[in-house]
Amino acid sequence: MKVVITDWGFPSLDIERRIFAEHAIVVEEHQCKTEDDVVAVVASANVVMTQWAPVKAKAIAAMRSCKGIVRYGIGLDNIDMAAARQHGIPVRNVPDYCLNEVADHTMALLLSLQRQITHTQTLVRRGVWSIVPPQELAALRTCTLGLVGFGRIARLVALRAQSFGLKIRAYDPYIADDFFSARHVEKTDFSELLRSADIFSLHLPLTPETQHLLNAKTFSMMKRNTLVINASRGGLIDTAALCEALEKKNIAGAALDVIEEEPLMPGHPLLQFDNVIVTSHTAWYSSSSVGELQRLAALAAVDFLLK
């Protein structure tokens, strides 16, 4: 039995090696960057584990004896799911780790942006000392938080935000009305959420339907005081449209842990705005979440092999 790990960004793979050794599973470790890199290593794999490498149609077609693909993470956008289905290869993610970490990070971004912490600090470093913040600042308890998607992370964000007195509205057409009301969250449609939210937070997977969900048209529907938060998937936002909305002051700011193209390069247009916070895709991380991700992914691989 053989597991091929296409790429990984952890301090070590000791957790996986230990779990696989218990079952006499051979593991090959690589750091693939391109799909051709993946093609070159997966032909004999019984299970493929991947973190960021592109596991697309050509790579999946090269898998000759694969029982399953495991993604280190929640999202599946680096895997061609249609191609996997076509070749009869099941795909698993790790949906149960880092939920609280991402919810905490979302709230940290929200509070820092809304209270203008980083913007004010930038001014202080420039020698500007003012007891009045640089932009208009509503009392947080008077604001409406709009959640796009109401899955597990969004629900944890709602629970945290309610402790600050925020009114919570959410859009998710796949969840029943009583599920919202039981959590003291108002269900609404997407257009109304765009028009009413003071703080707009994204909690969706990246799919063809959600790609560039926030674009020039949707930004134009927001209030000028709206703050945008994204700790979900970078491709949910059209970056060029976001920069234009910020430039024209059609929205009041943005806090992002994910960007369409990562890493964010020095001199990127987003970095010119003092009312933008960017963190480097760290929302998932804590000292315990890393090991949990590795353990659960390895167990998923073992499950594929021992079925």
Protein backbone atom coordinates (compact mmCIF):
# COMPACT_ATOMS: atom_id res chain seq x y z
CA MET A 1 0.00 0.00 0.00
CA LYS A 2 1.41 3.35 -1.05
CA VAL A 3 0.50 6.94 -0.20
CA VAL A 4 1.95 9.78 -2.26
CA ILE A 5 1.98 13.22 -0.64
CA THR A 6 2.19 15.77 -3.44
CA ASP A 7 3.11 18.74 -1.22
CA TRP A 8 3.00 19.93 2.37
CA GLY A 9 3.83 22.99 4.43
CA PHE A 10 4.15 21.53 7.92
CA PRO A 11 7.27 21.47 10.12
CA SER A 12 7.47 17.70 9.54
CA LEU A 13 5.46 14.67 8.43
CA ASP A 14 6.20 12.68 11.59
CA ILE A 15 2.50 12.32 12.41
CA GLU A 16 1.71 10.79 9.02
CA ARG A 17 4.77 8.55 9.07
CA ARG A 18 3.81 7.18 12.48
CA ILE A 19 0.21 6.45 11.45
CA PHE A 20 1.24 4.86 8.16
CA ALA A 21 3.95 2.74 9.80
CA GLU A 22 1.30 1.15 12.03
CA HIS A 23 -0.33 -0.25 8.88
CA ALA A 24 2.82 -1.02 6.85
CA ILE A 25 1.93 1.74 4.40
CA VAL A 26 4.73 3.14 2.26
CA VAL A 27 4.76 6.94 1.95
CA GLU A 28 6.42 9.08 -0.70
CA GLU A 29 6.88 12.77 0.07
CA HIS A 30 7.18 15.45 -2.59
CA GLN A 31 6.91 19.22 -2.97
CA CYS A 32 5.03 19.53 -6.26
CA LYS A 33 4.39 23.03 -7.59
CA THR A 34 2.81 22.36 -10.99
CA GLU A 35 0.38 19.84 -12.40
CA ASP A 36 3.22 18.27 -14.39
CA ASP A 37 5.05 17.75 -11.10
CA VAL A 38 1.99 15.92 -9.78
CA VAL A 39 1.66 13.83 -12.94
CA ALA A 40 5.23 12.65 -12.51
CA VAL A 41 4.68 11.15 -9.05
CA VAL A 42 1.11 9.80 -8.78
CA ALA A 43 0.96 6.91 -11.27
CA SER A 44 1.57 4.17 -8.68
CA ALA A 45 -0.17 5.84 -5.74
CA ASN A 46 -2.96 3.99 -3.95
CA VAL A 47 -3.88 7.23 -2.16
CA VAL A 48 -2.84 10.78 -3.06
CA MET A 49 -2.63 13.42 -0.34
CA THR A 50 -2.37 17.06 -1.38
CA GLN A 51 -2.27 20.48 0.23
CA TRP A 52 -1.92 23.14 -2.47
CA ALA A 53 -0.56 21.39 -5.57
CA PRO A 54 -2.91 21.43 -8.59
CA VAL A 55 -4.52 18.00 -8.82
CA LYS A 56 -6.34 18.63 -12.07
CA ALA A 57 -7.61 16.48 -14.95
CA LYS A 58 -4.22 15.49 -16.36
CA ALA A 59 -2.88 14.52 -12.96
CA ILE A 60 -5.99 12.51 -12.11
CA ALA A 61 -5.82 10.69 -15.46
CA ALA A 62 -2.26 9.66 -14.56
CA MET A 63 -3.44 7.84 -11.41
CA ARG A 64 -3.46 4.13 -12.33
CA SER A 65 -4.38 2.51 -9.02
CA CYS A 66 -5.74 5.30 -6.84
CA LYS A 67 -8.42 4.50 -4.27
CA GLY A 68 -8.83 8.08 -3.08
CA ILE A 69 -7.53 11.65 -2.87
CA VAL A 70 -7.23 13.42 0.48
CA ARG A 71 -6.99 17.21 0.73
CA TYR A 72 -5.14 18.71 3.66
CA GLY A 73 -7.80 21.31 4.44
CA ILE A 74 -11.45 22.22 4.10
CA GLY A 75 -11.58 23.63 0.57
CA LEU A 76 -11.29 21.48 -2.53
CA ASP A 77 -10.58 24.11 -5.18
CA ASN A 78 -7.13 22.76 -6.09
CA ILE A 79 -8.73 19.43 -7.09
CA ASP A 80 -10.71 18.85 -10.29
CA MET A 81 -13.74 17.23 -8.72
CA ALA A 82 -15.42 16.49 -12.06
CA ALA A 83 -12.33 14.66 -13.30
CA ALA A 84 -12.14 12.68 -10.05
CA ARG A 85 -15.77 11.62 -10.44
CA GLN A 86 -15.18 10.69 -14.07
CA HIS A 87 -12.34 8.36 -13.04
CA GLY A 88 -14.26 6.98 -10.07
CA ILE A 89 -11.81 8.33 -7.50
CA PRO A 90 -13.44 9.56 -4.27
CA VAL A 91 -12.13 12.75 -2.66
CA ARG A 92 -12.09 13.66 1.02
CA ASN A 93 -11.25 16.87 2.80
CA VAL A 94 -10.77 17.58 6.51
CA PRO A 95 -13.87 19.61 7.39
CA ASP A 96 -13.66 19.38 11.18
CA TYR A 97 -10.43 21.16 12.04
CA CYS A 98 -9.61 24.86 12.63
CA LEU A 99 -13.26 25.92 12.85
CA ASN A 100 -12.73 27.95 16.01
CA GLU A 101 -9.41 29.31 14.75
CA VAL A 102 -11.03 30.73 11.60
CA ALA A 103 -13.96 32.12 13.58
CA ASP A 104 -11.55 33.79 16.02
CA HIS A 105 -9.47 35.22 13.15
CA THR A 106 -12.60 36.54 11.46
CA MET A 107 -13.59 38.36 14.62
CA ALA A 108 -10.06 39.70 15.04
CA LEU A 109 -10.16 41.09 11.49
CA LEU A 110 -13.64 42.50 12.09
CA LEU A 111 -12.71 44.27 15.31
CA SER A 112 -9.39 45.58 13.99
CA LEU A 113 -11.01 46.94 10.84
CA GLN A 114 -14.14 48.36 12.45
CA ARG A 115 -12.23 50.01 15.30
CA GLN A 116 -9.61 51.21 12.77
CA ILE A 117 -6.76 49.73 14.82
CA THR A 118 -4.25 49.20 12.03
CA HIS A 119 -5.17 52.44 10.23
CA THR A 120 -4.64 54.41 13.43
CA GLN A 121 -1.38 52.60 14.18
CA THR A 122 -0.11 53.47 10.70
CA LEU A 123 -0.81 57.15 11.39
CA VAL A 124 0.89 56.97 14.79
CA ARG A 125 4.00 55.50 13.16
CA ARG A 126 3.92 58.46 10.75
CA GLY A 127 3.90 60.87 13.67
CA VAL A 128 0.15 61.64 13.60
CA TRP A 129 -1.41 61.56 17.07
CA SER A 130 -5.15 62.16 17.06
CA ILE A 131 -7.73 61.10 19.63
CA VAL A 132 -10.28 60.91 16.80
CA PRO A 133 -9.93 57.92 14.43
CA PRO A 134 -9.23 58.60 10.74
CA GLN A 135 -12.69 57.59 9.42
CA GLU A 136 -16.26 57.79 10.61
CA LEU A 137 -16.75 55.20 13.32
CA ALA A 138 -20.16 53.80 14.25
CA ALA A 139 -20.68 52.14 17.62
CA LEU A 140 -20.18 48.43 16.99
CA ARG A 141 -23.39 47.54 18.83
CA THR A 142 -25.40 49.54 16.27
CA CYS A 143 -23.97 47.63 13.28
CA THR A 144 -25.40 44.78 11.26
CA LEU A 145 -23.12 41.87 10.43
CA GLY A 146 -24.06 40.12 7.19
CA LEU A 147 -22.87 36.53 6.82
CA VAL A 148 -22.79 34.99 3.35
CA GLY A 149 -23.08 31.28 4.04
CA PHE A 150 -24.23 29.92 7.39
CA GLY A 151 -22.15 26.79 7.84
CA ARG A 152 -20.18 25.79 10.90
CA ILE A 153 -17.61 28.60 10.83
CA ALA A 154 -20.21 31.28 10.11
CA ARG A 155 -22.30 30.04 13.03
CA LEU A 156 -19.29 30.29 15.34
CA VAL A 157 -18.66 33.83 14.06
CA ALA A 158 -22.31 34.71 14.76
CA LEU A 159 -22.02 33.41 18.32
CA ARG A 160 -18.94 35.55 18.93
CA ALA A 161 -20.41 38.62 17.25
CA GLN A 162 -23.60 38.44 19.29
CA SER A 163 -21.56 38.94 22.46
CA PHE A 164 -20.58 42.38 21.07
CA GLY A 165 -24.22 43.30 20.47
CA LEU A 166 -24.11 43.08 16.67
CA LYS A 167 -27.31 42.36 14.81
CA ILE A 168 -26.73 39.28 12.65
CA ARG A 169 -28.28 38.65 9.26
CA ALA A 170 -27.29 35.76 7.00
CA TYR A 171 -27.84 34.39 3.53
CA ASP A 172 -27.73 30.66 2.86
CA PRO A 173 -30.39 29.16 0.57
CA TYR A 174 -29.51 25.61 1.65
CA ILE A 175 -30.47 26.02 5.32
CA ALA A 176 -34.01 25.99 6.70
CA ASP A 177 -35.53 29.12 8.22
CA ASP A 178 -35.91 27.66 11.72
CA PHE A 179 -32.19 26.91 11.83
CA PHE A 180 -31.51 30.66 11.65
CA SER A 181 -34.18 31.69 14.13
CA ALA A 182 -32.99 29.12 16.69
CA ARG A 183 -29.64 30.97 16.66
CA HIS A 184 -31.18 34.46 16.80
CA VAL A 185 -30.02 35.21 13.27
CA GLU A 186 -32.25 36.82 10.66
CA LYS A 187 -32.37 34.98 7.34
CA THR A 188 -32.37 37.21 4.27
CA ASP A 189 -31.66 37.07 0.55
CA PHE A 190 -28.35 38.01 -1.01
CA SER A 191 -29.44 41.31 -2.55
CA GLU A 192 -30.94 42.54 0.69
CA LEU A 193 -27.83 41.51 2.60
CA LEU A 194 -25.68 43.53 0.20
CA ARG A 195 -27.84 46.60 0.80
CA SER A 196 -28.20 46.31 4.57
CA ALA A 197 -24.95 44.98 6.04
CA ASP A 198 -22.50 47.34 7.72
CA ILE A 199 -19.98 44.49 7.93
CA PHE A 200 -20.06 41.84 5.23
CA SER A 201 -18.30 38.53 5.92
CA LEU A 202 -17.84 35.67 3.44
CA HIS A 203 -18.10 32.01 4.50
CA LEU A 204 -18.39 30.00 1.29
CA PRO A 205 -16.47 27.39 -0.69
CA LEU A 206 -14.99 28.49 -4.01
CA THR A 207 -17.03 27.01 -6.87
CA PRO A 208 -17.87 28.18 -10.40
CA GLU A 209 -21.07 29.67 -8.92
CA THR A 210 -19.30 31.59 -6.14
CA GLN A 211 -16.25 32.76 -8.13
CA HIS A 212 -16.15 36.59 -7.96
CA LEU A 213 -19.36 36.69 -5.94
CA LEU A 214 -18.21 40.14 -4.91
CA ASN A 215 -17.59 42.11 -8.09
CA ALA A 216 -18.15 45.57 -9.49
CA LYS A 217 -21.92 45.11 -9.55
CA THR A 218 -22.25 43.73 -6.03
CA PHE A 219 -19.86 46.29 -4.56
CA SER A 220 -22.02 49.02 -6.08
CA MET A 221 -25.03 47.68 -4.14
CA MET A 222 -23.31 48.08 -0.75
CA LYS A 223 -23.50 51.09 1.52
CA ARG A 224 -20.49 53.38 1.49
CA ASN A 225 -19.78 52.55 5.13
CA THR A 226 -19.65 48.79 4.48
CA LEU A 227 -16.63 46.80 5.64
CA VAL A 228 -15.78 43.56 3.83
CA ILE A 229 -14.22 40.55 5.62
CA ASN A 230 -12.90 37.44 3.86
CA ALA A 231 -11.24 34.56 5.70
CA SER A 232 -12.78 31.99 3.37
CA ARG A 233 -11.52 31.77 -0.23
CA GLY A 234 -9.70 34.50 -2.16
CA GLY A 235 -11.51 33.84 -5.43
CA LEU A 236 -14.83 34.88 -3.92
CA ILE A 237 -13.75 38.49 -4.49
CA ASP A 238 -12.77 40.12 -7.76
CA THR A 239 -9.60 41.84 -6.53
CA ALA A 240 -9.57 44.48 -9.26
CA ALA A 241 -13.18 45.38 -8.47
CA LEU A 242 -12.36 45.55 -4.76
CA CYS A 243 -9.48 47.95 -5.42
CA GLU A 244 -11.76 50.12 -7.56
CA ALA A 245 -14.46 50.16 -4.87
CA LEU A 246 -11.87 51.21 -2.29
CA GLU A 247 -10.37 53.83 -4.60
CA LYS A 248 -13.79 55.36 -5.27
CA LYS A 249 -14.74 55.07 -1.57
CA ASN A 250 -17.78 52.97 -2.48
CA ILE A 251 -16.96 50.84 0.56
CA ALA A 252 -15.19 51.83 3.79
CA GLY A 253 -12.55 49.10 4.05
CA ALA A 254 -11.64 45.43 3.79
CA ALA A 255 -9.88 42.81 5.92
CA LEU A 256 -8.61 39.76 4.05
CA ASP A 257 -6.85 36.58 5.08
CA VAL A 258 -7.12 35.15 1.56
CA ILE A 259 -6.40 36.69 -1.84
CA GLU A 260 -7.10 35.51 -5.39
CA GLU A 261 -3.40 35.07 -6.11
CA GLU A 262 -1.18 34.21 -3.18
CA PRO A 263 1.30 35.25 -1.98
CA LEU A 264 0.45 38.94 -2.17
CA MET A 265 3.44 40.56 -3.80
CA PRO A 266 5.10 43.79 -2.60
CA GLY A 267 3.59 46.77 -4.38
CA HIS A 268 0.23 45.08 -4.90
CA PRO A 269 -2.56 47.69 -5.31
CA LEU A 270 -4.31 46.48 -2.14
CA LEU A 271 -1.33 47.54 -0.06
CA GLN A 272 -1.78 51.22 -0.91
CA PHE A 273 -4.92 51.49 1.22
CA ASP A 274 -4.61 52.28 4.93
CA ASN A 275 -8.16 50.96 5.45
CA VAL A 276 -7.22 47.47 4.26
CA ILE A 277 -5.87 44.70 6.49
CA VAL A 278 -4.20 41.68 4.90
CA THR A 279 -3.00 38.62 6.79
CA SER A 280 -1.13 35.84 5.03
CA HIS A 281 -3.68 32.99 5.03
CA THR A 282 -3.09 32.32 8.72
CA ALA A 283 -6.70 32.06 9.93
CA TRP A 284 -6.54 28.27 10.02
CA TYR A 285 -3.48 28.11 12.23
CA SER A 286 -2.95 27.35 15.88
CA SER A 287 -0.34 25.16 17.55
CA SER A 288 -2.97 22.43 17.88
CA SER A 289 -4.74 22.78 14.52
CA VAL A 290 -1.68 21.79 12.48
CA GLY A 291 -1.26 18.40 14.11
CA GLU A 292 -4.99 17.78 14.04
CA LEU A 293 -5.10 18.46 10.31
CA GLN A 294 -2.23 16.06 9.67
CA ARG A 295 -3.71 13.34 11.88
CA LEU A 296 -7.20 13.49 10.38
CA ALA A 297 -5.87 13.57 6.81
CA ALA A 298 -3.65 10.56 7.45
CA LEU A 299 -6.54 8.62 9.01
CA ALA A 300 -8.67 9.41 5.95
CA ALA A 301 -5.92 7.96 3.76
CA VAL A 302 -5.75 4.82 5.91
CA ASP A 303 -9.52 4.47 5.66
CA PHE A 304 -9.33 4.53 1.86
CA LEU A 305 -6.66 1.83 1.89
CA LEU A 306 -8.24 -0.52 4.41
CA LYS A 307 -11.78 -0.45 3.08
